[in-house]
Amino acid sequence: MKRLPIGLIRFVQYAVAVLLAVALFAAVTLLADARPAYALPEYAERTGEACATCHVSPGGGGPRTLRGLLWAARGRPDSVPPLPGVLMAPGVGDGSELYDIACAACHGSKGDGLFAIGLTGMRISKPAIRSFVVQGIPLSGMPAFKGQFTNAQLDALATFVAGLADGSIPPLPDSYPLPPAQFKCSPVSATVKCGVK
């Protein structure tokens, strides 16, 4: 009688072990009475909110916003609780800073679009921008920011976005060059004494 090669025997053993593991996993999964796990798009669908409502990363996942933390703490209900009177960026008045805080994660730091539409070249009016920020655009997944900005902040943000959209305000740079540090050092006994010029 002819013996099978040892390599073929090992391959068959591994294949049988893998098939048994897959069958065991499938049996446990089918027989277990587990609650369904909701993935992020299902949460967005269930609550009617965009991922950016609850997550710092607009694509979902990762750190949560204050509303997202409150929603999770309440047991992930079918609606995300509002936070009336809680400002998104207290004390910030510059339109570009407000854009960076509230808009850049979805629309891109230059307005070129990431998870949301690109704003450059759109020629959107300031009143329309203000309305979109306050009311949101549910069909496109843009969350509403009603009550999260002061009137002055909304004006500054709308002015910046309108300027970015029509090209009158250049996009924010990728980095800001800093001058090299000026140090003056001189050896003093066993230590070095340094100071800024």
Protein backbone atom coordinates (compact mmCIF):
# COMPACT_ATOMS: atom_id res chain seq x y z
CA MET A 1 0.00 0.00 0.00
CA LYS A 2 1.28 3.44 -0.92
CA ARG A 3 1.62 6.12 1.83
CA LEU A 4 0.50 9.71 1.32
CA PRO A 5 3.19 12.40 1.44
CA ILE A 6 3.57 14.03 4.86
CA GLY A 7 2.90 17.52 3.38
CA LEU A 8 -0.47 16.41 2.04
CA ILE A 9 -1.41 14.85 5.37
CA ARG A 10 -0.58 18.08 7.24
CA PHE A 11 -2.53 20.16 4.72
CA VAL A 12 -5.60 17.94 5.19
CA GLN A 13 -5.23 18.18 8.98
CA TYR A 14 -5.06 22.00 8.85
CA ALA A 15 -8.00 22.18 6.45
CA VAL A 16 -10.13 19.97 8.71
CA ALA A 17 -9.18 22.04 11.76
CA VAL A 18 -10.11 25.29 9.98
CA LEU A 19 -13.42 23.85 8.78
CA LEU A 20 -14.27 22.65 12.30
CA ALA A 21 -13.43 26.08 13.73
CA VAL A 22 -15.63 27.84 11.15
CA ALA A 23 -18.48 25.37 11.79
CA LEU A 24 -18.18 25.85 15.56
CA PHE A 25 -18.18 29.64 15.18
CA ALA A 26 -21.25 29.50 12.90
CA ALA A 27 -23.09 27.21 15.32
CA VAL A 28 -22.35 29.41 18.33
CA THR A 29 -23.37 32.52 16.38
CA LEU A 30 -26.65 30.99 15.22
CA LEU A 31 -27.56 29.49 18.58
CA ALA A 32 -26.57 32.45 20.74
CA ASP A 33 -29.34 34.85 21.71
CA ALA A 34 -27.29 38.00 21.14
CA ARG A 35 -28.68 41.48 20.68
CA PRO A 36 -27.80 43.00 17.30
CA ALA A 37 -24.84 45.35 17.30
CA TYR A 38 -25.42 48.62 15.51
CA ALA A 39 -22.70 49.89 13.25
CA LEU A 40 -22.25 53.64 12.91
CA PRO A 41 -24.28 54.05 9.70
CA GLU A 42 -27.13 52.19 11.39
CA TYR A 43 -26.96 54.58 14.37
CA ALA A 44 -27.12 57.52 12.00
CA GLU A 45 -30.07 55.94 10.21
CA ARG A 46 -31.81 55.13 13.50
CA THR A 47 -31.37 58.59 15.04
CA GLY A 48 -31.74 60.60 11.85
CA GLU A 49 -28.48 62.42 12.63
CA ALA A 50 -25.21 62.59 10.73
CA CYS A 51 -22.17 60.87 12.26
CA ALA A 52 -20.65 64.33 12.82
CA THR A 53 -23.37 65.06 15.38
CA CYS A 54 -21.88 62.53 17.80
CA HIS A 55 -18.29 62.13 16.64
CA VAL A 56 -15.36 64.50 16.28
CA SER A 57 -14.47 62.53 13.15
CA PRO A 58 -17.37 63.14 10.76
CA GLY A 59 -17.00 59.71 9.22
CA GLY A 60 -17.90 58.21 12.58
CA GLY A 61 -15.91 56.34 15.18
CA GLY A 62 -13.30 57.73 17.47
CA PRO A 63 -13.82 60.44 20.07
CA ARG A 64 -17.36 61.64 20.67
CA THR A 65 -18.68 65.16 20.85
CA LEU A 66 -20.48 66.34 23.98
CA ARG A 67 -23.83 65.38 22.43
CA GLY A 68 -22.41 61.98 21.47
CA LEU A 69 -21.19 61.37 25.01
CA LEU A 70 -24.57 62.30 26.43
CA TRP A 71 -26.33 60.06 23.89
CA ALA A 72 -24.10 57.08 24.81
CA ALA A 73 -24.53 57.76 28.54
CA ARG A 74 -28.31 57.62 28.12
CA GLY A 75 -28.09 54.13 26.62
CA ARG A 76 -28.04 55.07 22.92
CA PRO A 77 -31.71 55.99 22.48
CA ASP A 78 -33.35 56.61 19.11
CA SER A 79 -32.72 60.34 19.30
CA VAL A 80 -29.62 62.34 20.13
CA PRO A 81 -30.31 64.75 23.00
CA PRO A 82 -30.00 68.46 22.23
CA LEU A 83 -27.71 70.69 24.23
CA PRO A 84 -29.53 74.03 24.34
CA GLY A 85 -27.39 76.93 25.41
CA VAL A 86 -24.07 75.07 25.07
CA LEU A 87 -21.76 76.90 22.68
CA MET A 88 -19.46 74.93 20.41
CA ALA A 89 -16.60 77.41 20.62
CA PRO A 90 -17.06 79.83 23.51
CA GLY A 91 -14.95 82.96 23.20
CA VAL A 92 -13.90 82.29 19.59
CA GLY A 93 -14.80 85.11 17.23
CA ASP A 94 -12.60 84.58 14.18
CA GLY A 95 -14.42 83.04 11.19
CA SER A 96 -11.46 80.91 10.10
CA GLU A 97 -11.06 79.48 13.62
CA LEU A 98 -14.78 78.73 13.82
CA TYR A 99 -14.59 77.04 10.42
CA ASP A 100 -11.64 74.97 11.59
CA ILE A 101 -13.53 73.91 14.74
CA ALA A 102 -16.96 73.20 13.25
CA CYS A 103 -16.64 72.70 9.51
CA ALA A 104 -13.18 71.61 8.38
CA ALA A 105 -13.53 68.01 9.53
CA CYS A 106 -16.32 67.48 6.96
CA HIS A 107 -15.72 70.16 4.33
CA GLY A 108 -11.90 70.05 4.39
CA SER A 109 -9.48 72.60 5.77
CA LYS A 110 -9.39 74.36 2.40
CA GLY A 111 -13.10 73.92 1.67
CA ASP A 112 -12.32 71.24 -0.90
CA GLY A 113 -14.59 68.63 0.70
CA LEU A 114 -13.84 65.46 2.64
CA PHE A 115 -16.98 63.74 3.92
CA ALA A 116 -19.19 66.62 2.84
CA ILE A 117 -19.37 68.70 -0.33
CA GLY A 118 -16.56 71.01 -1.33
CA LEU A 119 -17.37 74.66 -0.72
CA THR A 120 -14.87 76.35 -3.02
CA GLY A 121 -16.46 77.67 -6.18
CA MET A 122 -20.00 77.18 -4.82
CA ARG A 123 -20.87 80.90 -4.50
CA ILE A 124 -23.23 80.36 -1.56
CA SER A 125 -24.75 83.49 -0.02
CA LYS A 126 -24.15 84.42 3.60
CA PRO A 127 -27.86 84.09 4.52
CA ALA A 128 -27.95 80.59 2.97
CA ILE A 129 -24.78 79.57 4.83
CA ARG A 130 -26.20 80.87 8.07
CA SER A 131 -29.42 78.93 7.49
CA PHE A 132 -27.53 75.73 6.62
CA VAL A 133 -25.41 76.02 9.78
CA VAL A 134 -28.40 76.66 12.04
CA GLN A 135 -30.92 74.24 10.48
CA GLY A 136 -28.57 71.67 8.95
CA ILE A 137 -29.26 69.84 5.72
CA PRO A 138 -30.73 66.49 6.80
CA LEU A 139 -30.81 64.92 3.33
CA SER A 140 -27.08 65.50 2.84
CA GLY A 141 -26.12 64.47 6.38
CA MET A 142 -25.16 67.95 7.59
CA PRO A 143 -26.05 68.33 11.27
CA ALA A 144 -27.84 71.38 12.63
CA PHE A 145 -25.86 73.67 14.94
CA LYS A 146 -28.84 75.65 16.26
CA GLY A 147 -27.97 77.33 19.56
CA GLN A 148 -24.28 76.33 19.38
CA PHE A 149 -23.02 79.68 18.05
CA THR A 150 -23.69 83.26 19.05
CA ASN A 151 -25.05 85.67 16.42
CA ALA A 152 -21.61 87.27 16.12
CA GLN A 153 -20.02 83.84 15.63
CA LEU A 154 -22.60 82.93 12.98
CA ASP A 155 -21.88 86.20 11.15
CA ALA A 156 -18.11 85.60 11.28
CA LEU A 157 -18.48 81.98 10.16
CA ALA A 158 -20.90 82.84 7.33
CA THR A 159 -18.59 85.64 6.13
CA PHE A 160 -15.58 83.31 6.11
CA VAL A 161 -17.40 80.44 4.34
CA ALA A 162 -18.92 82.80 1.75
CA GLY A 163 -15.47 84.26 1.08
CA LEU A 164 -13.97 80.78 0.85
CA ALA A 165 -16.78 79.72 -1.50
CA ASP A 166 -16.47 82.69 -3.87
CA GLY A 167 -12.66 82.83 -3.75
CA SER A 168 -12.38 86.24 -2.07
CA ILE A 169 -10.79 84.60 0.99
CA PRO A 170 -7.88 82.29 0.24
CA PRO A 171 -7.95 78.80 1.75
CA LEU A 172 -6.10 78.30 5.01
CA PRO A 173 -2.46 77.28 4.56
CA ASP A 174 -1.32 73.74 5.35
CA SER A 175 1.25 75.11 7.79
CA TYR A 176 2.49 78.37 9.18
CA PRO A 177 6.25 79.02 8.89
CA LEU A 178 7.94 80.06 12.09
CA PRO A 179 11.26 81.89 12.28
CA PRO A 180 14.12 79.81 13.65
CA ALA A 181 14.74 80.09 17.37
CA GLN A 182 17.58 82.39 18.39
CA PHE A 183 19.62 80.88 21.24
CA LYS A 184 22.75 82.25 22.85
CA CYS A 185 24.69 79.63 24.79
CA SER A 186 27.96 79.85 26.65
CA PRO A 187 29.71 77.19 28.73
CA VAL A 188 29.93 77.96 32.44
CA SER A 189 32.06 75.49 34.40
CA ALA A 190 30.46 72.04 34.14
CA THR A 191 27.01 73.27 32.99
CA VAL A 192 25.81 75.15 29.94
CA LYS A 193 23.88 78.36 30.41
CA CYS A 194 21.44 79.17 27.59
CA GLY A 195 19.10 82.03 26.97
CA VAL A 196 16.97 83.41 24.21
CA LYS A 197 18.46 86.35 22.29
